[in-house]
Amino acid sequence: MSNPIEIGRLLRAGTTGFVLGCRVNQLESPAFGTLVKAPVSPDYQIYGLIYDIHIDDDGLVRQLVTAERVDENIINDNRLNRNVPLEISVIAVGYRQGGRVRHLIPPRPPLSLDVIHLCTPQEICEFSSAGRFGYFRHILRAADLPVGELLAAHLEQTQAVQQADGDPNWLSQATQELITLLRDDYPTLMSVLGALSDIHTRQA
């Protein structure tokens, strides 16, 4: 298994999700829809999907954006050397305990300053293949999230990993499960299928 990539440390958390902080120069790795993990202990890890990346302003940034001309060196110094406030929000979608992956709400959240990692390709395959896509329900019931776009981003990233691992049918199976779960919610189904259609278009 490849070494996990550290992307930040926990700021605050609940059982349904958490927020981590990182520097701007760490922003190249995490992306919308990426599966991440909070290794709380050797026997307990929490999995989640990134659904928002938020960069706050501060006093200096407000001054710089209103200046007529800003030297490129000042911009780079502000981005790389100063602690620009940056937060990544994650929805919890499952956990691992006792060597078993479960698509359930974690029994307890991670702790402040816990290190958050990107999941490796092997971990993504293992998590997304455990059970029958049970973690989809956590995403679908999150009314305040861009559900269609989040699912599309996650499924596209996961399909690439699953295909490389020898399972080219994973995306079709995941899409069929979403249709089944949303059969009584036509507006949400159309939103999700509309976002997913972009994946099939790019793969055609």
Protein backbone atom coordinates (compact mmCIF):
# COMPACT_ATOMS: atom_id res chain seq x y z
CA MET A 1 0.00 0.00 0.00
CA SER A 2 1.34 3.45 -0.90
CA ASN A 3 2.00 5.95 1.84
CA PRO A 4 -1.00 8.20 2.63
CA ILE A 5 -0.72 11.91 1.87
CA GLU A 6 -1.32 14.27 4.79
CA ILE A 7 -3.59 17.17 3.84
CA GLY A 8 -4.23 18.94 7.14
CA ARG A 9 -5.32 18.75 10.76
CA LEU A 10 -8.76 18.66 12.29
CA LEU A 11 -10.35 21.92 13.38
CA ARG A 12 -13.79 20.73 14.53
CA ALA A 13 -15.91 17.63 14.15
CA GLY A 14 -19.21 15.90 14.77
CA THR A 15 -20.45 12.41 14.07
CA THR A 16 -21.76 13.39 10.62
CA GLY A 17 -18.71 15.28 9.40
CA PHE A 18 -15.66 17.35 10.18
CA VAL A 19 -13.65 20.38 9.08
CA LEU A 20 -9.88 20.44 8.68
CA GLY A 21 -7.45 23.25 8.13
CA CYS A 22 -4.39 23.40 5.94
CA ARG A 23 -2.03 25.82 4.24
CA VAL A 24 -2.67 27.02 0.70
CA ASN A 25 0.42 25.21 -0.57
CA GLN A 26 -1.17 21.92 0.57
CA LEU A 27 -4.21 22.52 -1.63
CA GLU A 28 -2.82 20.72 -4.70
CA SER A 29 -3.76 17.26 -3.38
CA PRO A 30 -7.32 17.43 -1.99
CA ALA A 31 -10.20 18.02 -4.41
CA PHE A 32 -13.98 18.15 -4.35
CA GLY A 33 -15.39 14.62 -4.01
CA THR A 34 -12.14 13.05 -2.79
CA LEU A 35 -12.27 10.28 -0.19
CA VAL A 36 -10.22 11.08 2.91
CA LYS A 37 -9.62 9.40 6.25
CA ALA A 38 -9.07 10.41 9.85
CA PRO A 39 -6.96 7.70 11.52
CA VAL A 40 -8.19 8.18 15.08
CA SER A 41 -6.37 5.08 16.34
CA PRO A 42 -4.65 2.04 14.81
CA ASP A 43 -7.95 0.16 15.02
CA TYR A 44 -10.37 2.97 14.15
CA GLN A 45 -10.45 5.18 11.05
CA ILE A 46 -13.18 7.51 9.83
CA TYR A 47 -13.86 8.00 6.11
CA GLY A 48 -15.40 11.05 4.50
CA LEU A 49 -15.88 12.92 1.22
CA ILE A 50 -14.68 16.49 0.66
CA TYR A 51 -17.69 18.64 -0.23
CA ASP A 52 -16.35 22.16 0.23
CA ILE A 53 -12.98 23.95 0.12
CA HIS A 54 -13.22 27.42 1.63
CA ILE A 55 -10.59 30.17 1.65
CA ASP A 56 -11.33 33.03 4.02
CA ASP A 57 -10.07 36.55 3.63
CA ASP A 58 -8.19 38.60 6.18
CA GLY A 59 -7.12 42.21 6.61
CA LEU A 60 -4.13 42.04 4.27
CA VAL A 61 -6.03 40.19 1.54
CA ARG A 62 -8.76 42.85 1.63
CA GLN A 63 -6.12 45.55 1.12
CA LEU A 64 -4.42 43.68 -1.72
CA VAL A 65 -7.58 43.02 -3.75
CA THR A 66 -8.42 46.74 -3.76
CA ALA A 67 -4.91 47.85 -4.79
CA GLU A 68 -4.44 48.93 -8.42
CA ARG A 69 -1.28 46.93 -8.97
CA VAL A 70 0.05 44.09 -6.85
CA ASP A 71 3.52 42.69 -7.38
CA GLU A 72 3.57 38.96 -8.15
CA ASN A 73 6.12 38.38 -5.41
CA ILE A 74 3.73 39.87 -2.85
CA ILE A 75 0.94 37.57 -4.04
CA ASN A 76 3.18 34.49 -3.84
CA ASP A 77 4.46 35.52 -0.41
CA ASN A 78 0.88 35.97 0.82
CA ARG A 79 -0.13 32.53 -0.50
CA LEU A 80 2.89 30.51 0.53
CA ASN A 81 4.47 32.14 3.57
CA ARG A 82 1.50 33.55 5.47
CA ASN A 83 -1.10 31.44 7.23
CA VAL A 84 -3.95 32.12 4.81
CA PRO A 85 -7.12 30.71 6.42
CA LEU A 86 -8.19 27.64 4.46
CA GLU A 87 -10.84 25.11 5.53
CA ILE A 88 -11.91 21.81 3.96
CA SER A 89 -15.33 20.42 4.90
CA VAL A 90 -15.95 16.67 4.88
CA ILE A 91 -19.12 14.59 5.17
CA ALA A 92 -18.63 11.33 7.10
CA VAL A 93 -19.57 8.27 5.04
CA GLY A 94 -18.24 5.36 7.09
CA TYR A 95 -15.47 3.96 9.20
CA ARG A 96 -13.14 1.01 9.70
CA GLN A 97 -12.99 -0.81 13.02
CA GLY A 98 -11.65 -4.22 13.85
CA GLY A 99 -10.40 -4.57 10.28
CA ARG A 100 -13.92 -4.20 8.85
CA VAL A 101 -15.24 -1.34 6.71
CA ARG A 102 -18.73 -0.16 7.64
CA HIS A 103 -20.90 2.30 5.70
CA LEU A 104 -22.43 3.70 8.88
CA ILE A 105 -22.18 6.97 10.80
CA PRO A 106 -18.98 6.74 12.90
CA PRO A 107 -19.65 5.99 16.58
CA ARG A 108 -17.45 8.92 17.66
CA PRO A 109 -15.76 11.79 15.80
CA PRO A 110 -12.04 12.43 15.41
CA LEU A 111 -10.30 14.76 17.85
CA SER A 112 -8.95 18.25 17.38
CA LEU A 113 -5.59 18.38 15.58
CA ASP A 114 -5.88 14.78 14.35
CA VAL A 115 -4.05 14.43 11.03
CA ILE A 116 -6.28 13.90 7.96
CA HIS A 117 -4.99 11.91 4.98
CA LEU A 118 -6.05 11.28 1.41
CA CYS A 119 -7.10 7.66 0.93
CA THR A 120 -4.81 5.54 -1.20
CA PRO A 121 -6.16 3.85 -4.36
CA GLN A 122 -6.30 0.55 -2.47
CA GLU A 123 -8.30 2.12 0.34
CA ILE A 124 -10.70 3.75 -2.14
CA CYS A 125 -11.34 0.40 -3.81
CA GLU A 126 -11.80 -1.37 -0.51
CA PHE A 127 -14.18 1.25 0.91
CA SER A 128 -16.31 1.69 -2.21
CA SER A 129 -16.62 -2.08 -2.74
CA ALA A 130 -17.61 -2.94 0.83
CA GLY A 131 -21.29 -3.84 1.10
CA ARG A 132 -23.88 -2.51 -1.33
CA PHE A 133 -23.08 1.21 -1.66
CA GLY A 134 -24.53 1.85 1.78
CA TYR A 135 -22.64 5.10 2.14
CA PHE A 136 -24.71 6.70 -0.64
CA ARG A 137 -27.55 7.32 1.80
CA HIS A 138 -25.42 9.66 3.90
CA ILE A 139 -24.82 11.84 0.83
CA LEU A 140 -28.40 11.70 -0.46
CA ARG A 141 -29.92 12.87 2.80
CA ALA A 142 -27.58 15.88 3.07
CA ALA A 143 -30.01 18.46 1.71
CA ASP A 144 -27.60 21.37 2.12
CA LEU A 145 -24.91 19.81 -0.11
CA PRO A 146 -24.59 19.84 -3.93
CA VAL A 147 -25.57 16.17 -3.98
CA GLY A 148 -25.51 15.58 -7.74
CA GLU A 149 -22.13 17.22 -8.28
CA LEU A 150 -20.63 15.58 -5.19
CA LEU A 151 -21.71 12.12 -6.30
CA ALA A 152 -20.53 12.74 -9.86
CA ALA A 153 -17.09 13.88 -8.69
CA HIS A 154 -16.74 10.95 -6.29
CA LEU A 155 -17.95 8.38 -8.79
CA GLU A 156 -15.66 9.65 -11.53
CA GLN A 157 -12.60 9.52 -9.28
CA THR A 158 -13.55 6.10 -7.88
CA GLN A 159 -14.35 4.59 -11.27
CA ALA A 160 -10.85 5.44 -12.50
CA VAL A 161 -9.35 3.64 -9.50
CA GLN A 162 -11.73 0.67 -9.74
CA GLN A 163 -11.07 0.28 -13.45
CA ALA A 164 -7.33 0.30 -12.88
CA ASP A 165 -7.90 -2.35 -10.20
CA GLY A 166 -9.78 -4.60 -12.63
CA ASP A 167 -13.46 -3.69 -12.10
CA PRO A 168 -14.75 -1.77 -15.16
CA ASN A 169 -18.40 -2.28 -14.14
CA TRP A 170 -18.26 -0.44 -10.83
CA LEU A 171 -19.71 2.82 -12.17
CA SER A 172 -22.66 1.08 -13.85
CA GLN A 173 -23.46 -0.77 -10.65
CA ALA A 174 -23.20 2.42 -8.58
CA THR A 175 -25.47 4.31 -10.98
CA GLN A 176 -28.08 1.55 -10.88
CA GLU A 177 -28.04 1.62 -7.08
CA LEU A 178 -28.61 5.38 -7.10
CA ILE A 179 -31.59 4.96 -9.43
CA THR A 180 -33.05 2.40 -7.03
CA LEU A 181 -32.49 4.61 -3.97
CA LEU A 182 -34.06 7.66 -5.65
CA ARG A 183 -36.98 5.98 -7.41
CA ASP A 184 -39.45 7.91 -5.21
CA ASP A 185 -37.59 11.25 -5.42
CA TYR A 186 -37.77 12.26 -9.08
CA PRO A 187 -36.31 15.80 -8.76
CA THR A 188 -33.23 14.57 -6.92
CA LEU A 189 -32.87 11.62 -9.30
CA MET A 190 -32.87 13.93 -12.32
CA SER A 191 -30.30 16.18 -10.63
CA VAL A 192 -28.03 13.24 -9.87
CA LEU A 193 -28.41 11.63 -13.31
CA GLY A 194 -27.78 14.97 -14.98
CA ALA A 195 -24.48 15.33 -13.14
CA LEU A 196 -23.55 11.69 -13.78
CA SER A 197 -24.25 12.01 -17.51
CA ASP A 198 -21.18 14.22 -17.78
CA ILE A 199 -19.01 11.29 -16.64
CA HIS A 200 -20.38 9.00 -19.36
CA THR A 201 -19.95 11.77 -21.95
CA ARG A 202 -16.25 12.20 -21.12
CA GLN A 203 -15.69 8.44 -21.12
CA ALA A 204 -17.38 7.91 -24.50
